[in-house]
Amino acid sequence: MDTSSSIALLSQQITLVNKINPEVDLWIAVLIRAIKDAAHLARKGSKNPELWDDPNFRAEAVHIKKYFHNRSMQVGGFGFICELLDINPEQALRHIHARYLRYLPPTTQTCLIQAG
């Protein structure tokens, strides 16, 4: 789960879009923060599995999974940011799921990605 290489790849892919519209820096930062949060939760939970029994820790994990699975075009949502940055949300979700989200506990929501 190498967060820095994922972030570097994402930044390289977004550079072309960012040259056209400098305000997208904010949304790039939001997306990168969400990816880092997912990585942190996955790493912390795998190092200390008892944390999954902590309702606050588990709620954070569920929240981050729901964020990435939500296709809402609401400002700040994953779907909104993907659209703004011209990123295929399904491809991005598959990548993020494979690297981070699959290590988090399942949510009650039906996932859009099959565990692979």
C-alpha atoms as a PDB file:
ATOM      1  CA  MET A   1       0.000   0.000   0.000  1.00  0.00           C
ATOM      2  CA  ASP A   2       2.416   2.671  -1.202  1.00  0.00           C
ATOM      3  CA  THR A   3       0.498   5.920  -0.894  1.00  0.00           C
ATOM      4  CA  SER A   4       3.224   8.153  -2.320  1.00  0.00           C
ATOM      5  CA  SER A   5       3.398   6.297  -5.653  1.00  0.00           C
ATOM      6  CA  SER A   6      -0.406   6.436  -6.034  1.00  0.00           C
ATOM      7  CA  ILE A   7      -0.425  10.152  -5.278  1.00  0.00           C
ATOM      8  CA  ALA A   8       2.439  10.781  -7.724  1.00  0.00           C
ATOM      9  CA  LEU A   9       0.620   8.891 -10.479  1.00  0.00           C
ATOM     10  CA  LEU A  10      -2.599  10.790  -9.805  1.00  0.00           C
ATOM     11  CA  SER A  11      -0.753  14.113  -9.842  1.00  0.00           C
ATOM     12  CA  GLN A  12       0.910  13.291 -13.167  1.00  0.00           C
ATOM     13  CA  GLN A  13      -2.408  12.348 -14.734  1.00  0.00           C
ATOM     14  CA  ILE A  14      -4.073  15.534 -13.533  1.00  0.00           C
ATOM     15  CA  THR A  15      -1.286  17.933 -14.537  1.00  0.00           C
ATOM     16  CA  LEU A  16      -2.705  18.465 -18.025  1.00  0.00           C
ATOM     17  CA  VAL A  17      -6.116  19.424 -16.678  1.00  0.00           C
ATOM     18  CA  ASN A  18      -4.591  21.707 -14.072  1.00  0.00           C
ATOM     19  CA  LYS A  19      -2.719  23.750 -16.706  1.00  0.00           C
ATOM     20  CA  ILE A  20      -6.062  24.784 -18.154  1.00  0.00           C
ATOM     21  CA  ASN A  21      -7.823  25.667 -14.888  1.00  0.00           C
ATOM     22  CA  PRO A  22      -5.670  26.479 -11.838  1.00  0.00           C
ATOM     23  CA  GLU A  23      -8.628  26.392  -9.383  1.00  0.00           C
ATOM     24  CA  VAL A  24      -8.774  22.631  -9.655  1.00  0.00           C
ATOM     25  CA  ASP A  25      -5.844  22.525  -7.228  1.00  0.00           C
ATOM     26  CA  LEU A  26      -8.388  22.579  -4.399  1.00  0.00           C
ATOM     27  CA  TRP A  27     -10.246  19.540  -5.740  1.00  0.00           C
ATOM     28  CA  ILE A  28      -7.006  17.699  -6.418  1.00  0.00           C
ATOM     29  CA  ALA A  29      -6.065  18.317  -2.776  1.00  0.00           C
ATOM     30  CA  VAL A  30      -9.476  17.033  -1.605  1.00  0.00           C
ATOM     31  CA  LEU A  31      -9.088  13.841  -3.648  1.00  0.00           C
ATOM     32  CA  ILE A  32      -5.519  13.290  -2.491  1.00  0.00           C
ATOM     33  CA  ARG A  33      -6.582  13.837   1.142  1.00  0.00           C
ATOM     34  CA  ALA A  34      -9.358  11.247   0.771  1.00  0.00           C
ATOM     35  CA  ILE A  35      -6.908   8.726  -0.725  1.00  0.00           C
ATOM     36  CA  LYS A  36      -4.411   9.395   2.080  1.00  0.00           C
ATOM     37  CA  ASP A  37      -7.184   8.970   4.665  1.00  0.00           C
ATOM     38  CA  ALA A  38      -8.163   5.606   3.155  1.00  0.00           C
ATOM     39  CA  ALA A  39      -4.531   4.485   3.151  1.00  0.00           C
ATOM     40  CA  HIS A  40      -4.037   5.620   6.742  1.00  0.00           C
ATOM     41  CA  LEU A  41      -7.148   3.820   7.993  1.00  0.00           C
ATOM     42  CA  ALA A  42      -6.225   0.622   6.150  1.00  0.00           C
ATOM     43  CA  ARG A  43      -2.656   0.701   7.466  1.00  0.00           C
ATOM     44  CA  LYS A  44      -3.709   1.531  11.033  1.00  0.00           C
ATOM     45  CA  GLY A  45      -6.435  -1.152  11.059  1.00  0.00           C
ATOM     46  CA  SER A  46      -4.114  -3.831   9.704  1.00  0.00           C
ATOM     47  CA  LYS A  47      -1.465  -3.023  12.318  1.00  0.00           C
ATOM     48  CA  ASN A  48      -3.999  -3.008  15.142  1.00  0.00           C
ATOM     49  CA  PRO A  49      -7.084  -5.140  14.257  1.00  0.00           C
ATOM     50  CA  GLU A  50      -8.739  -4.394  17.620  1.00  0.00           C
ATOM     51  CA  LEU A  51      -9.429  -0.896  16.267  1.00  0.00           C
ATOM     52  CA  TRP A  52     -12.224  -2.325  14.105  1.00  0.00           C
ATOM     53  CA  ASP A  53     -14.162  -2.846  17.339  1.00  0.00           C
ATOM     54  CA  ASP A  54     -13.904   0.881  18.133  1.00  0.00           C
ATOM     55  CA  PRO A  55     -17.139   2.498  16.864  1.00  0.00           C
ATOM     56  CA  ASN A  56     -15.406   5.800  16.033  1.00  0.00           C
ATOM     57  CA  PHE A  57     -12.623   4.166  14.046  1.00  0.00           C
ATOM     58  CA  ARG A  58     -15.085   1.919  12.244  1.00  0.00           C
ATOM     59  CA  ALA A  59     -17.324   4.918  11.456  1.00  0.00           C
ATOM     60  CA  GLU A  60     -14.366   6.703   9.831  1.00  0.00           C
ATOM     61  CA  ALA A  61     -13.665   3.648   7.678  1.00  0.00           C
ATOM     62  CA  VAL A  62     -17.300   3.337   6.637  1.00  0.00           C
ATOM     63  CA  HIS A  63     -17.439   7.061   5.833  1.00  0.00           C
ATOM     64  CA  ILE A  64     -14.379   6.949   3.557  1.00  0.00           C
ATOM     65  CA  LYS A  65     -15.703   3.883   1.710  1.00  0.00           C
ATOM     66  CA  LYS A  66     -19.067   5.548   1.167  1.00  0.00           C
ATOM     67  CA  TYR A  67     -17.315   8.684  -0.107  1.00  0.00           C
ATOM     68  CA  PHE A  68     -15.572   6.754  -2.877  1.00  0.00           C
ATOM     69  CA  HIS A  69     -18.639   4.697  -3.795  1.00  0.00           C
ATOM     70  CA  ASN A  70     -20.905   7.745  -4.041  1.00  0.00           C
ATOM     71  CA  ARG A  71     -21.526   8.941  -7.599  1.00  0.00           C
ATOM     72  CA  SER A  72     -23.297  12.124  -6.527  1.00  0.00           C
ATOM     73  CA  MET A  73     -22.406  15.258  -8.438  1.00  0.00           C
ATOM     74  CA  GLN A  74     -22.704  17.249  -5.204  1.00  0.00           C
ATOM     75  CA  VAL A  75     -19.830  19.729  -4.900  1.00  0.00           C
ATOM     76  CA  GLY A  76     -16.859  18.008  -3.271  1.00  0.00           C
ATOM     77  CA  GLY A  77     -18.103  14.479  -3.870  1.00  0.00           C
ATOM     78  CA  PHE A  78     -16.063  11.805  -5.594  1.00  0.00           C
ATOM     79  CA  GLY A  79     -18.266  11.894  -8.704  1.00  0.00           C
ATOM     80  CA  PHE A  80     -18.016  15.681  -8.885  1.00  0.00           C
ATOM     81  CA  ILE A  81     -14.221  15.659  -8.586  1.00  0.00           C
ATOM     82  CA  CYS A  82     -13.809  12.868 -11.135  1.00  0.00           C
ATOM     83  CA  GLU A  83     -15.989  14.769 -13.598  1.00  0.00           C
ATOM     84  CA  LEU A  84     -14.106  18.020 -12.991  1.00  0.00           C
ATOM     85  CA  LEU A  85     -10.716  16.332 -13.455  1.00  0.00           C
ATOM     86  CA  ASP A  86     -11.874  14.195 -16.380  1.00  0.00           C
ATOM     87  CA  ILE A  87     -11.110  10.990 -14.488  1.00  0.00           C
ATOM     88  CA  ASN A  88     -13.088   7.826 -15.157  1.00  0.00           C
ATOM     89  CA  PRO A  89     -14.731   7.248 -11.749  1.00  0.00           C
ATOM     90  CA  GLU A  90     -15.082   3.480 -12.234  1.00  0.00           C
ATOM     91  CA  GLN A  91     -11.405   3.099 -13.107  1.00  0.00           C
ATOM     92  CA  ALA A  92     -10.353   5.339 -10.228  1.00  0.00           C
ATOM     93  CA  LEU A  93     -12.567   3.413  -7.797  1.00  0.00           C
ATOM     94  CA  ARG A  94     -11.157   0.072  -8.956  1.00  0.00           C
ATOM     95  CA  HIS A  95      -7.620   1.352  -8.349  1.00  0.00           C
ATOM     96  CA  ILE A  96      -8.435   2.895  -4.958  1.00  0.00           C
ATOM     97  CA  HIS A  97     -10.384  -0.201  -3.913  1.00  0.00           C
ATOM     98  CA  ALA A  98      -7.555  -2.566  -4.884  1.00  0.00           C
ATOM     99  CA  ARG A  99      -4.961  -0.547  -3.000  1.00  0.00           C
ATOM    100  CA  TYR A 100      -6.855   0.642   0.089  1.00  0.00           C
ATOM    101  CA  LEU A 101     -10.611   0.146   0.433  1.00  0.00           C
ATOM    102  CA  ARG A 102     -10.510  -3.649   0.314  1.00  0.00           C
ATOM    103  CA  TYR A 103      -8.601  -3.582   3.603  1.00  0.00           C
ATOM    104  CA  LEU A 104     -11.427  -1.708   5.337  1.00  0.00           C
ATOM    105  CA  PRO A 105     -14.459  -3.464   6.839  1.00  0.00           C
ATOM    106  CA  PRO A 106     -17.545  -3.893   4.653  1.00  0.00           C
ATOM    107  CA  THR A 107     -20.305  -1.323   4.841  1.00  0.00           C
ATOM    108  CA  THR A 108     -24.011  -2.000   4.915  1.00  0.00           C
ATOM    109  CA  GLN A 109     -24.235  -0.225   1.558  1.00  0.00           C
ATOM    110  CA  THR A 110     -24.027  -2.394  -1.571  1.00  0.00           C
ATOM    111  CA  CYS A 111     -20.578  -1.889  -3.022  1.00  0.00           C
ATOM    112  CA  LEU A 112     -20.212  -0.957  -6.686  1.00  0.00           C
ATOM    113  CA  ILE A 113     -16.945  -2.892  -6.975  1.00  0.00           C
ATOM    114  CA  GLN A 114     -16.604  -6.619  -6.643  1.00  0.00           C
ATOM    115  CA  ALA A 115     -13.750  -7.689  -4.389  1.00  0.00           C
ATOM    116  CA  GLY A 116     -11.072  -9.109  -6.606  1.00  0.00           C
END
